[in-house]
Amino acid sequence: MSLFTPNTGDKKMDEAYLNLKVHIDKCKTFDEFIQHFNYIVKTDDTELLNKWLLKVLYVNMKLDNTDKHDFDKLLESVDEVKKQELKNWLEVSLKKQGENI
């Protein structure tokens, strides 16, 4: 579980984020999470749900960027030529891995 505590200035949003994070951490797969989410959701208003989920996504992507992946740290520490080589290597490697799944 992330030690990140959102501080959006919206107490309800911060609580919703933390509650959702707890549920996500309990689930081992996305399918397990979506089943749990659909079970606990208290509204049929998909527009409202989408708004809250987008807010949570926004908070996560905007504020919880303190834990950079080692690859990202590496890219920040090399020159542009090496950075492009590493990005190309990663892209090719991921495509090969995707073909093997």
PDB file of N, CA and C in Angstrom:
ATOM      1  N   MET A   1       0.845  -1.180   0.000  1.00  0.00           N
ATOM      2  CA  MET A   1       0.000   0.000   0.000  1.00  0.00           C
ATOM      3  C   MET A   1       0.882   1.232   0.000  1.00  0.00           C
ATOM      4  N   SER A   2       0.501   2.184  -0.786  1.00  0.00           N
ATOM      5  CA  SER A   2       1.239   3.433  -0.880  1.00  0.00           C
ATOM      6  C   SER A   2       1.093   4.227   0.405  1.00  0.00           C
ATOM      7  N   LEU A   3       2.134   4.925   0.765  1.00  0.00           N
ATOM      8  CA  LEU A   3       2.076   5.792   1.932  1.00  0.00           C
ATOM      9  C   LEU A   3       1.518   7.153   1.560  1.00  0.00           C
ATOM     10  N   PHE A   4       1.151   7.315   0.320  1.00  0.00           N
ATOM     11  CA  PHE A   4       0.635   8.570  -0.193  1.00  0.00           C
ATOM     12  C   PHE A   4      -0.695   8.913   0.458  1.00  0.00           C
ATOM     13  N   THR A   5      -0.819  10.139   0.926  1.00  0.00           N
ATOM     14  CA  THR A   5      -2.083  10.644   1.451  1.00  0.00           C
ATOM     15  C   THR A   5      -2.483  11.834   0.607  1.00  0.00           C
ATOM     16  N   PRO A   6      -3.603  11.733  -0.095  1.00  0.00           N
ATOM     17  CA  PRO A   6      -4.004  12.851  -0.939  1.00  0.00           C
ATOM     18  C   PRO A   6      -4.366  14.067  -0.104  1.00  0.00           C
ATOM     19  N   ASN A   7      -4.096  15.215  -0.644  1.00  0.00           N
ATOM     20  CA  ASN A   7      -4.449  16.466   0.016  1.00  0.00           C
ATOM     21  C   ASN A   7      -4.976  17.405  -1.062  1.00  0.00           C
ATOM     22  N   THR A   8      -6.179  17.104  -1.510  1.00  0.00           N
ATOM     23  CA  THR A   8      -6.755  17.865  -2.612  1.00  0.00           C
ATOM     24  C   THR A   8      -7.478  19.111  -2.141  1.00  0.00           C
ATOM     25  N   GLY A   9      -7.684  19.213  -0.835  1.00  0.00           N
ATOM     26  CA  GLY A   9      -8.474  20.314  -0.307  1.00  0.00           C
ATOM     27  C   GLY A   9      -9.951  19.972  -0.242  1.00  0.00           C
ATOM     28  N   ASP A  10     -10.311  18.801  -0.743  1.00  0.00           N
ATOM     29  CA  ASP A  10     -11.685  18.312  -0.717  1.00  0.00           C
ATOM     30  C   ASP A  10     -11.697  17.071   0.168  1.00  0.00           C
ATOM     31  N   LYS A  11     -12.178  17.242   1.397  1.00  0.00           N
ATOM     32  CA  LYS A  11     -12.127  16.152   2.380  1.00  0.00           C
ATOM     33  C   LYS A  11     -12.844  14.900   1.872  1.00  0.00           C
ATOM     34  N   LYS A  12     -14.005  15.084   1.246  1.00  0.00           N
ATOM     35  CA  LYS A  12     -14.767  13.953   0.730  1.00  0.00           C
ATOM     36  C   LYS A  12     -13.982  13.213  -0.356  1.00  0.00           C
ATOM     37  N   MET A  13     -13.317  13.978  -1.219  1.00  0.00           N
ATOM     38  CA  MET A  13     -12.515  13.377  -2.284  1.00  0.00           C
ATOM     39  C   MET A  13     -11.328  12.623  -1.699  1.00  0.00           C
ATOM     40  N   ASP A  14     -10.663  13.208  -0.718  1.00  0.00           N
ATOM     41  CA  ASP A  14      -9.518  12.541  -0.097  1.00  0.00           C
ATOM     42  C   ASP A  14      -9.939  11.226   0.553  1.00  0.00           C
ATOM     43  N   GLU A  15     -11.075  11.229   1.226  1.00  0.00           N
ATOM     44  CA  GLU A  15     -11.585  10.007   1.859  1.00  0.00           C
ATOM     45  C   GLU A  15     -11.956   8.963   0.810  1.00  0.00           C
ATOM     46  N   ALA A  16     -12.592   9.398  -0.267  1.00  0.00           N
ATOM     47  CA  ALA A  16     -12.967   8.472  -1.340  1.00  0.00           C
ATOM     48  C   ALA A  16     -11.721   7.843  -1.955  1.00  0.00           C
ATOM     49  N   TYR A  17     -10.697   8.654  -2.158  1.00  0.00           N
ATOM     50  CA  TYR A  17      -9.449   8.148  -2.719  1.00  0.00           C
ATOM     51  C   TYR A  17      -8.853   7.078  -1.817  1.00  0.00           C
ATOM     52  N   LEU A  18      -8.759   7.379  -0.525  1.00  0.00           N
ATOM     53  CA  LEU A  18      -8.162   6.425   0.412  1.00  0.00           C
ATOM     54  C   LEU A  18      -8.992   5.153   0.513  1.00  0.00           C
ATOM     55  N   ASN A  19     -10.323   5.279   0.516  1.00  0.00           N
ATOM     56  CA  ASN A  19     -11.183   4.096   0.563  1.00  0.00           C
ATOM     57  C   ASN A  19     -10.999   3.232  -0.678  1.00  0.00           C
ATOM     58  N   LEU A  20     -10.947   3.858  -1.837  1.00  0.00           N
ATOM     59  CA  LEU A  20     -10.742   3.120  -3.069  1.00  0.00           C
ATOM     60  C   LEU A  20      -9.379   2.441  -3.065  1.00  0.00           C
ATOM     61  N   LYS A  21      -8.374   3.127  -2.558  1.00  0.00           N
ATOM     62  CA  LYS A  21      -7.016   2.563  -2.491  1.00  0.00           C
ATOM     63  C   LYS A  21      -6.995   1.308  -1.632  1.00  0.00           C
ATOM     64  N   VAL A  22      -7.713   1.311  -0.519  1.00  0.00           N
ATOM     65  CA  VAL A  22      -7.780   0.139   0.348  1.00  0.00           C
ATOM     66  C   VAL A  22      -8.379  -1.042  -0.407  1.00  0.00           C
ATOM     67  N   HIS A  23      -9.457  -0.802  -1.147  1.00  0.00           N
ATOM     68  CA  HIS A  23     -10.095  -1.877  -1.910  1.00  0.00           C
ATOM     69  C   HIS A  23      -9.173  -2.388  -3.011  1.00  0.00           C
ATOM     70  N   ILE A  24      -8.501  -1.491  -3.675  1.00  0.00           N
ATOM     71  CA  ILE A  24      -7.575  -1.903  -4.736  1.00  0.00           C
ATOM     72  C   ILE A  24      -6.460  -2.769  -4.170  1.00  0.00           C
ATOM     73  N   ASP A  25      -5.933  -2.377  -3.028  1.00  0.00           N
ATOM     74  CA  ASP A  25      -4.832  -3.130  -2.425  1.00  0.00           C
ATOM     75  C   ASP A  25      -5.255  -4.533  -1.986  1.00  0.00           C
ATOM     76  N   LYS A  26      -6.532  -4.729  -1.675  1.00  0.00           N
ATOM     77  CA  LYS A  26      -7.026  -6.033  -1.244  1.00  0.00           C
ATOM     78  C   LYS A  26      -7.203  -6.992  -2.415  1.00  0.00           C
ATOM     79  N   CYS A  27      -7.389  -6.472  -3.609  1.00  0.00           N
ATOM     80  CA  CYS A  27      -7.678  -7.306  -4.780  1.00  0.00           C
ATOM     81  C   CYS A  27      -6.392  -7.656  -5.514  1.00  0.00           C
ATOM     82  N   LYS A  28      -6.333  -8.901  -5.949  1.00  0.00           N
ATOM     83  CA  LYS A  28      -5.137  -9.367  -6.647  1.00  0.00           C
ATOM     84  C   LYS A  28      -5.206  -9.129  -8.153  1.00  0.00           C
ATOM     85  N   THR A  29      -6.412  -9.002  -8.692  1.00  0.00           N
ATOM     86  CA  THR A  29      -6.573  -8.778 -10.130  1.00  0.00           C
ATOM     87  C   THR A  29      -7.600  -7.672 -10.358  1.00  0.00           C
ATOM     88  N   PHE A  30      -7.576  -7.123 -11.562  1.00  0.00           N
ATOM     89  CA  PHE A  30      -8.560  -6.104 -11.909  1.00  0.00           C
ATOM     90  C   PHE A  30      -9.971  -6.693 -11.896  1.00  0.00           C
ATOM     91  N   ASP A  31     -10.123  -7.909 -12.405  1.00  0.00           N
ATOM     92  CA  ASP A  31     -11.445  -8.540 -12.424  1.00  0.00           C
ATOM     93  C   ASP A  31     -12.005  -8.684 -11.016  1.00  0.00           C
ATOM     94  N   GLU A  32     -11.151  -9.071 -10.084  1.00  0.00           N
ATOM     95  CA  GLU A  32     -11.576  -9.184  -8.687  1.00  0.00           C
ATOM     96  C   GLU A  32     -11.984  -7.816  -8.146  1.00  0.00           C
ATOM     97  N   PHE A  33     -11.210  -6.789  -8.494  1.00  0.00           N
ATOM     98  CA  PHE A  33     -11.537  -5.439  -8.028  1.00  0.00           C
ATOM     99  C   PHE A  33     -12.852  -4.949  -8.620  1.00  0.00           C
ATOM    100  N   ILE A  34     -13.067  -5.139  -9.920  1.00  0.00           N
ATOM    101  CA  ILE A  34     -14.280  -4.617 -10.546  1.00  0.00           C
ATOM    102  C   ILE A  34     -15.515  -5.315  -9.990  1.00  0.00           C
ATOM    103  N   GLN A  35     -15.422  -6.599  -9.685  1.00  0.00           N
ATOM    104  CA  GLN A  35     -16.539  -7.299  -9.052  1.00  0.00           C
ATOM    105  C   GLN A  35     -16.825  -6.697  -7.678  1.00  0.00           C
ATOM    106  N   HIS A  36     -15.777  -6.468  -6.928  1.00  0.00           N
ATOM    107  CA  HIS A  36     -15.937  -5.864  -5.598  1.00  0.00           C
ATOM    108  C   HIS A  36     -16.503  -4.451  -5.729  1.00  0.00           C
ATOM    109  N   PHE A  37     -15.977  -3.682  -6.647  1.00  0.00           N
ATOM    110  CA  PHE A  37     -16.436  -2.307  -6.853  1.00  0.00           C
ATOM    111  C   PHE A  37     -17.923  -2.282  -7.214  1.00  0.00           C
ATOM    112  N   ASN A  38     -18.315  -3.132  -8.141  1.00  0.00           N
ATOM    113  CA  ASN A  38     -19.720  -3.180  -8.546  1.00  0.00           C
ATOM    114  C   ASN A  38     -20.624  -3.599  -7.389  1.00  0.00           C
ATOM    115  N   TYR A  39     -20.104  -4.407  -6.484  1.00  0.00           N
ATOM    116  CA  TYR A  39     -20.877  -4.843  -5.325  1.00  0.00           C
ATOM    117  C   TYR A  39     -21.074  -3.700  -4.319  1.00  0.00           C
ATOM    118  N   ILE A  40     -20.032  -2.897  -4.097  1.00  0.00           N
ATOM    119  CA  ILE A  40     -20.113  -1.870  -3.057  1.00  0.00           C
ATOM    120  C   ILE A  40     -20.653  -0.534  -3.538  1.00  0.00           C
ATOM    121  N   VAL A  41     -20.704  -0.330  -4.848  1.00  0.00           N
ATOM    122  CA  VAL A  41     -21.146   0.966  -5.364  1.00  0.00           C
ATOM    123  C   VAL A  41     -22.593   1.226  -4.939  1.00  0.00           C
ATOM    124  N   LYS A  42     -22.864   2.467  -4.583  1.00  0.00           N
ATOM    125  CA  LYS A  42     -24.168   2.810  -4.011  1.00  0.00           C
ATOM    126  C   LYS A  42     -25.025   3.664  -4.941  1.00  0.00           C
ATOM    127  N   THR A  43     -24.676   3.731  -6.210  1.00  0.00           N
ATOM    128  CA  THR A  43     -25.446   4.543  -7.143  1.00  0.00           C
ATOM    129  C   THR A  43     -25.452   3.904  -8.521  1.00  0.00           C
ATOM    130  N   ASP A  44     -26.498   4.189  -9.259  1.00  0.00           N
ATOM    131  CA  ASP A  44     -26.575   3.762 -10.657  1.00  0.00           C
ATOM    132  C   ASP A  44     -26.223   4.909 -11.595  1.00  0.00           C
ATOM    133  N   ASP A  45     -25.876   6.044 -11.019  1.00  0.00           N
ATOM    134  CA  ASP A  45     -25.564   7.242 -11.797  1.00  0.00           C
ATOM    135  C   ASP A  45     -24.145   7.108 -12.361  1.00  0.00           C
ATOM    136  N   THR A  46     -24.051   6.616 -13.597  1.00  0.00           N
ATOM    137  CA  THR A  46     -22.727   6.375 -14.184  1.00  0.00           C
ATOM    138  C   THR A  46     -21.957   7.669 -14.412  1.00  0.00           C
ATOM    139  N   GLU A  47     -22.658   8.748 -14.656  1.00  0.00           N
ATOM    140  CA  GLU A  47     -21.971  10.032 -14.833  1.00  0.00           C
ATOM    141  C   GLU A  47     -21.267  10.432 -13.532  1.00  0.00           C
ATOM    142  N   LEU A  48     -21.954  10.277 -12.416  1.00  0.00           N
ATOM    143  CA  LEU A  48     -21.356  10.581 -11.113  1.00  0.00           C
ATOM    144  C   LEU A  48     -20.180   9.647 -10.828  1.00  0.00           C
ATOM    145  N   LEU A  49     -20.366   8.349 -11.092  1.00  0.00           N
ATOM    146  CA  LEU A  49     -19.282   7.384 -10.871  1.00  0.00           C
ATOM    147  C   LEU A  49     -18.063   7.724 -11.722  1.00  0.00           C
ATOM    148  N   ASN A  50     -18.294   8.018 -12.991  1.00  0.00           N
ATOM    149  CA  ASN A  50     -17.181   8.374 -13.871  1.00  0.00           C
ATOM    150  C   ASN A  50     -16.453   9.610 -13.371  1.00  0.00           C
ATOM    151  N   LYS A  51     -17.212  10.587 -12.896  1.00  0.00           N
ATOM    152  CA  LYS A  51     -16.595  11.804 -12.379  1.00  0.00           C
ATOM    153  C   LYS A  51     -15.703  11.488 -11.176  1.00  0.00           C
ATOM    154  N   TRP A  52     -16.205  10.691 -10.243  1.00  0.00           N
ATOM    155  CA  TRP A  52     -15.407  10.346  -9.068  1.00  0.00           C
ATOM    156  C   TRP A  52     -14.181   9.512  -9.447  1.00  0.00           C
ATOM    157  N   LEU A  53     -14.376   8.545 -10.342  1.00  0.00           N
ATOM    158  CA  LEU A  53     -13.245   7.713 -10.745  1.00  0.00           C
ATOM    159  C   LEU A  53     -12.191   8.535 -11.477  1.00  0.00           C
ATOM    160  N   LEU A  54     -12.639   9.478 -12.306  1.00  0.00           N
ATOM    161  CA  LEU A  54     -11.677  10.345 -12.986  1.00  0.00           C
ATOM    162  C   LEU A  54     -10.950  11.246 -11.991  1.00  0.00           C
ATOM    163  N   LYS A  55     -11.654  11.699 -10.967  1.00  0.00           N
ATOM    164  CA  LYS A  55     -10.991  12.496  -9.932  1.00  0.00           C
ATOM    165  C   LYS A  55      -9.923  11.670  -9.220  1.00  0.00           C
ATOM    166  N   VAL A  56     -10.272  10.424  -8.896  1.00  0.00           N
ATOM    167  CA  VAL A  56      -9.297   9.550  -8.232  1.00  0.00           C
ATOM    168  C   VAL A  56      -8.091   9.317  -9.134  1.00  0.00           C
ATOM    169  N   LEU A  57      -8.358   9.057 -10.398  1.00  0.00           N
ATOM    170  CA  LEU A  57      -7.273   8.872 -11.360  1.00  0.00           C
ATOM    171  C   LEU A  57      -6.410  10.124 -11.451  1.00  0.00           C
ATOM    172  N   TYR A  58      -7.047  11.272 -11.499  1.00  0.00           N
ATOM    173  CA  TYR A  58      -6.323  12.533 -11.563  1.00  0.00           C
ATOM    174  C   TYR A  58      -5.432  12.713 -10.335  1.00  0.00           C
ATOM    175  N   VAL A  59      -6.000  12.496  -9.161  1.00  0.00           N
ATOM    176  CA  VAL A  59      -5.218  12.642  -7.923  1.00  0.00           C
ATOM    177  C   VAL A  59      -4.027  11.699  -7.949  1.00  0.00           C
ATOM    178  N   ASN A  60      -4.270  10.458  -8.351  1.00  0.00           N
ATOM    179  CA  ASN A  60      -3.191   9.477  -8.380  1.00  0.00           C
ATOM    180  C   ASN A  60      -2.085   9.879  -9.341  1.00  0.00           C
ATOM    181  N   MET A  61      -2.466  10.303 -10.528  1.00  0.00           N
ATOM    182  CA  MET A  61      -1.469  10.632 -11.538  1.00  0.00           C
ATOM    183  C   MET A  61      -0.801  11.983 -11.277  1.00  0.00           C
ATOM    184  N   LYS A  62      -1.532  12.922 -10.736  1.00  0.00           N
ATOM    185  CA  LYS A  62      -1.011  14.260 -10.515  1.00  0.00           C
ATOM    186  C   LYS A  62      -0.172  14.356  -9.241  1.00  0.00           C
ATOM    187  N   LEU A  63      -0.649  13.750  -8.177  1.00  0.00           N
ATOM    188  CA  LEU A  63      -0.030  13.948  -6.875  1.00  0.00           C
ATOM    189  C   LEU A  63       0.837  12.783  -6.419  1.00  0.00           C
ATOM    190  N   ASP A  64       0.576  11.591  -6.890  1.00  0.00           N
ATOM    191  CA  ASP A  64       1.313  10.422  -6.406  1.00  0.00           C
ATOM    192  C   ASP A  64       2.419  10.034  -7.374  1.00  0.00           C
ATOM    193  N   ASN A  65       3.213  11.000  -7.770  1.00  0.00           N
ATOM    194  CA  ASN A  65       4.288  10.712  -8.717  1.00  0.00           C
ATOM    195  C   ASN A  65       5.655  10.719  -8.041  1.00  0.00           C
ATOM    196  N   THR A  66       5.665  10.511  -6.728  1.00  0.00           N
ATOM    197  CA  THR A  66       6.929  10.532  -5.995  1.00  0.00           C
ATOM    198  C   THR A  66       7.729   9.255  -6.205  1.00  0.00           C
ATOM    199  N   ASP A  67       7.056   8.146  -6.483  1.00  0.00           N
ATOM    200  CA  ASP A  67       7.744   6.873  -6.674  1.00  0.00           C
ATOM    201  C   ASP A  67       7.973   6.619  -8.151  1.00  0.00           C
ATOM    202  N   LYS A  68       9.063   7.134  -8.649  1.00  0.00           N
ATOM    203  CA  LYS A  68       9.368   6.907 -10.060  1.00  0.00           C
ATOM    204  C   LYS A  68       9.969   5.524 -10.233  1.00  0.00           C
ATOM    205  N   HIS A  69       9.646   4.937 -11.348  1.00  0.00           N
ATOM    206  CA  HIS A  69      10.220   3.643 -11.689  1.00  0.00           C
ATOM    207  C   HIS A  69      11.707   3.841 -11.975  1.00  0.00           C
ATOM    208  N   ASP A  70      12.495   2.817 -11.698  1.00  0.00           N
ATOM    209  CA  ASP A  70      13.938   2.910 -11.924  1.00  0.00           C
ATOM    210  C   ASP A  70      14.267   3.231 -13.378  1.00  0.00           C
ATOM    211  N   PHE A  71      13.458   2.738 -14.311  1.00  0.00           N
ATOM    212  CA  PHE A  71      13.701   3.024 -15.720  1.00  0.00           C
ATOM    213  C   PHE A  71      13.548   4.519 -15.992  1.00  0.00           C
ATOM    214  N   ASP A  72      12.537   5.134 -15.386  1.00  0.00           N
ATOM    215  CA  ASP A  72      12.336   6.577 -15.545  1.00  0.00           C
ATOM    216  C   ASP A  72      13.495   7.365 -14.944  1.00  0.00           C
ATOM    217  N   LYS A  73      13.984   6.906 -13.815  1.00  0.00           N
ATOM    218  CA  LYS A  73      15.136   7.569 -13.192  1.00  0.00           C
ATOM    219  C   LYS A  73      16.356   7.466 -14.103  1.00  0.00           C
ATOM    220  N   LEU A  74      16.522   6.297 -14.713  1.00  0.00           N
ATOM    221  CA  LEU A  74      17.635   6.093 -15.636  1.00  0.00           C
ATOM    222  C   LEU A  74      17.530   7.041 -16.825  1.00  0.00           C
ATOM    223  N   LEU A  75      16.330   7.165 -17.390  1.00  0.00           N
ATOM    224  CA  LEU A  75      16.134   8.054 -18.538  1.00  0.00           C
ATOM    225  C   LEU A  75      16.472   9.500 -18.200  1.00  0.00           C
ATOM    226  N   GLU A  76      16.195   9.901 -16.981  1.00  0.00           N
ATOM    227  CA  GLU A  76      16.495  11.275 -16.571  1.00  0.00           C
ATOM    228  C   GLU A  76      17.993  11.524 -16.415  1.00  0.00           C
ATOM    229  N   SER A  77      18.745  10.451 -16.255  1.00  0.00           N
ATOM    230  CA  SER A  77      20.168  10.623 -15.959  1.00  0.00           C
ATOM    231  C   SER A  77      21.090  10.474 -17.171  1.00  0.00           C
ATOM    232  N   VAL A  78      20.530  10.173 -18.340  1.00  0.00           N
ATOM    233  CA  VAL A  78      21.371   9.967 -19.517  1.00  0.00           C
ATOM    234  C   VAL A  78      21.098  11.044 -20.556  1.00  0.00           C
ATOM    235  N   ASP A  79      22.017  11.125 -21.537  1.00  0.00           N
ATOM    236  CA  ASP A  79      21.837  12.119 -22.598  1.00  0.00           C
ATOM    237  C   ASP A  79      20.720  11.694 -23.546  1.00  0.00           C
ATOM    238  N   GLU A  80      20.332  12.591 -24.446  1.00  0.00           N
ATOM    239  CA  GLU A  80      19.185  12.362 -25.330  1.00  0.00           C
ATOM    240  C   GLU A  80      19.370  11.151 -26.245  1.00  0.00           C
ATOM    241  N   VAL A  81      20.586  10.935 -26.739  1.00  0.00           N
ATOM    242  CA  VAL A  81      20.832   9.810 -27.640  1.00  0.00           C
ATOM    243  C   VAL A  81      20.620   8.494 -26.895  1.00  0.00           C
ATOM    244  N   LYS A  82      21.204   8.382 -25.718  1.00  0.00           N
ATOM    245  CA  LYS A  82      21.074   7.163 -24.921  1.00  0.00           C
ATOM    246  C   LYS A  82      19.613   6.974 -24.476  1.00  0.00           C
ATOM    247  N   LYS A  83      18.947   8.072 -24.151  1.00  0.00           N
ATOM    248  CA  LYS A  83      17.545   8.018 -23.738  1.00  0.00           C
ATOM    249  C   LYS A  83      16.698   7.404 -24.861  1.00  0.00           C
ATOM    250  N   GLN A  84      16.923   7.852 -26.098  1.00  0.00           N
ATOM    251  CA  GLN A  84      16.159   7.326 -27.231  1.00  0.00           C
ATOM    252  C   GLN A  84      16.480   5.860 -27.463  1.00  0.00           C
ATOM    253  N   GLU A  85      17.745   5.480 -27.321  1.00  0.00           N
ATOM    254  CA  GLU A  85      18.123   4.071 -27.468  1.00  0.00           C
ATOM    255  C   GLU A  85      17.406   3.204 -26.439  1.00  0.00           C
ATOM    256  N   LEU A  86      17.363   3.673 -25.201  1.00  0.00           N
ATOM    257  CA  LEU A  86      16.709   2.923 -24.135  1.00  0.00           C
ATOM    258  C   LEU A  86      15.204   2.820 -24.368  1.00  0.00           C
ATOM    259  N   LYS A  87      14.589   3.912 -24.810  1.00  0.00           N
ATOM    260  CA  LYS A  87      13.152   3.885 -25.105  1.00  0.00           C
ATOM    261  C   LYS A  87      12.851   2.904 -26.233  1.00  0.00           C
ATOM    262  N   ASN A  88      13.677   2.929 -27.276  1.00  0.00           N
ATOM    263  CA  ASN A  88      13.491   2.007 -28.397  1.00  0.00           C
ATOM    264  C   ASN A  88      13.651   0.561 -27.934  1.00  0.00           C
ATOM    265  N   TRP A  89      14.668   0.312 -27.118  1.00  0.00           N
ATOM    266  CA  TRP A  89      14.890  -1.034 -26.597  1.00  0.00           C
ATOM    267  C   TRP A  89      13.673  -1.503 -25.798  1.00  0.00           C
ATOM    268  N   LEU A  90      13.140  -0.636 -24.944  1.00  0.00           N
ATOM    269  CA  LEU A  90      11.983  -0.998 -24.140  1.00  0.00           C
ATOM    270  C   LEU A  90      10.773  -1.297 -25.018  1.00  0.00           C
ATOM    271  N   GLU A  91      10.532  -0.456 -26.003  1.00  0.00           N
ATOM    272  CA  GLU A  91       9.392  -0.651 -26.901  1.00  0.00           C
ATOM    273  C   GLU A  91       9.495  -1.982 -27.645  1.00  0.00           C
ATOM    274  N   VAL A  92      10.676  -2.279 -28.194  1.00  0.00           N
ATOM    275  CA  VAL A  92      10.880  -3.536 -28.921  1.00  0.00           C
ATOM    276  C   VAL A  92      10.721  -4.722 -27.971  1.00  0.00           C
ATOM    277  N   SER A  93      11.279  -4.622 -26.774  1.00  0.00           N
ATOM    278  CA  SER A  93      11.182  -5.702 -25.803  1.00  0.00           C
ATOM    279  C   SER A  93       9.741  -5.955 -25.389  1.00  0.00           C
ATOM    280  N   LEU A  94       8.977  -4.896 -25.186  1.00  0.00           N
ATOM    281  CA  LEU A  94       7.574  -5.062 -24.787  1.00  0.00           C
ATOM    282  C   LEU A  94       6.759  -5.683 -25.909  1.00  0.00           C
ATOM    283  N   LYS A  95       7.034  -5.285 -27.151  1.00  0.00           N
ATOM    284  CA  LYS A  95       6.325  -5.877 -28.291  1.00  0.00           C
ATOM    285  C   LYS A  95       6.632  -7.361 -28.406  1.00  0.00           C
ATOM    286  N   LYS A  96       7.904  -7.738 -28.233  1.00  0.00           N
ATOM    287  CA  LYS A  96       8.284  -9.151 -28.280  1.00  0.00           C
ATOM    288  C   LYS A  96       7.582  -9.917 -27.170  1.00  0.00           C
ATOM    289  N   GLN A  97       7.556  -9.338 -25.993  1.00  0.00           N
ATOM    290  CA  GLN A  97       6.907 -10.012 -24.847  1.00  0.00           C
ATOM    291  C   GLN A  97       5.417 -10.172 -25.114  1.00  0.00           C
ATOM    292  N   GLY A  98       4.796  -9.148 -25.696  1.00  0.00           N
ATOM    293  CA  GLY A  98       3.365  -9.221 -26.018  1.00  0.00           C
ATOM    294  C   GLY A  98       3.060 -10.314 -27.021  1.00  0.00           C
ATOM    295  N   GLU A  99       3.975 -10.556 -27.931  1.00  0.00           N
ATOM    296  CA  GLU A  99       3.769 -11.600 -28.926  1.00  0.00           C
ATOM    297  C   GLU A  99       3.856 -12.992 -28.299  1.00  0.00           C
ATOM    298  N   ASN A 100       4.558 -13.103 -27.177  1.00  0.00           N
ATOM    299  CA  ASN A 100       4.748 -14.388 -26.533  1.00  0.00           C
ATOM    300  C   ASN A 100       3.654 -14.723 -25.525  1.00  0.00           C
ATOM    301  N   ILE A 101       2.716 -13.795 -25.361  1.00  0.00           N
ATOM    302  CA  ILE A 101       1.658 -14.049 -24.369  1.00  0.00           C
ATOM    303  C   ILE A 101       0.517 -14.787 -25.001  1.00  0.00           C
TER     304      ILE A 101
END
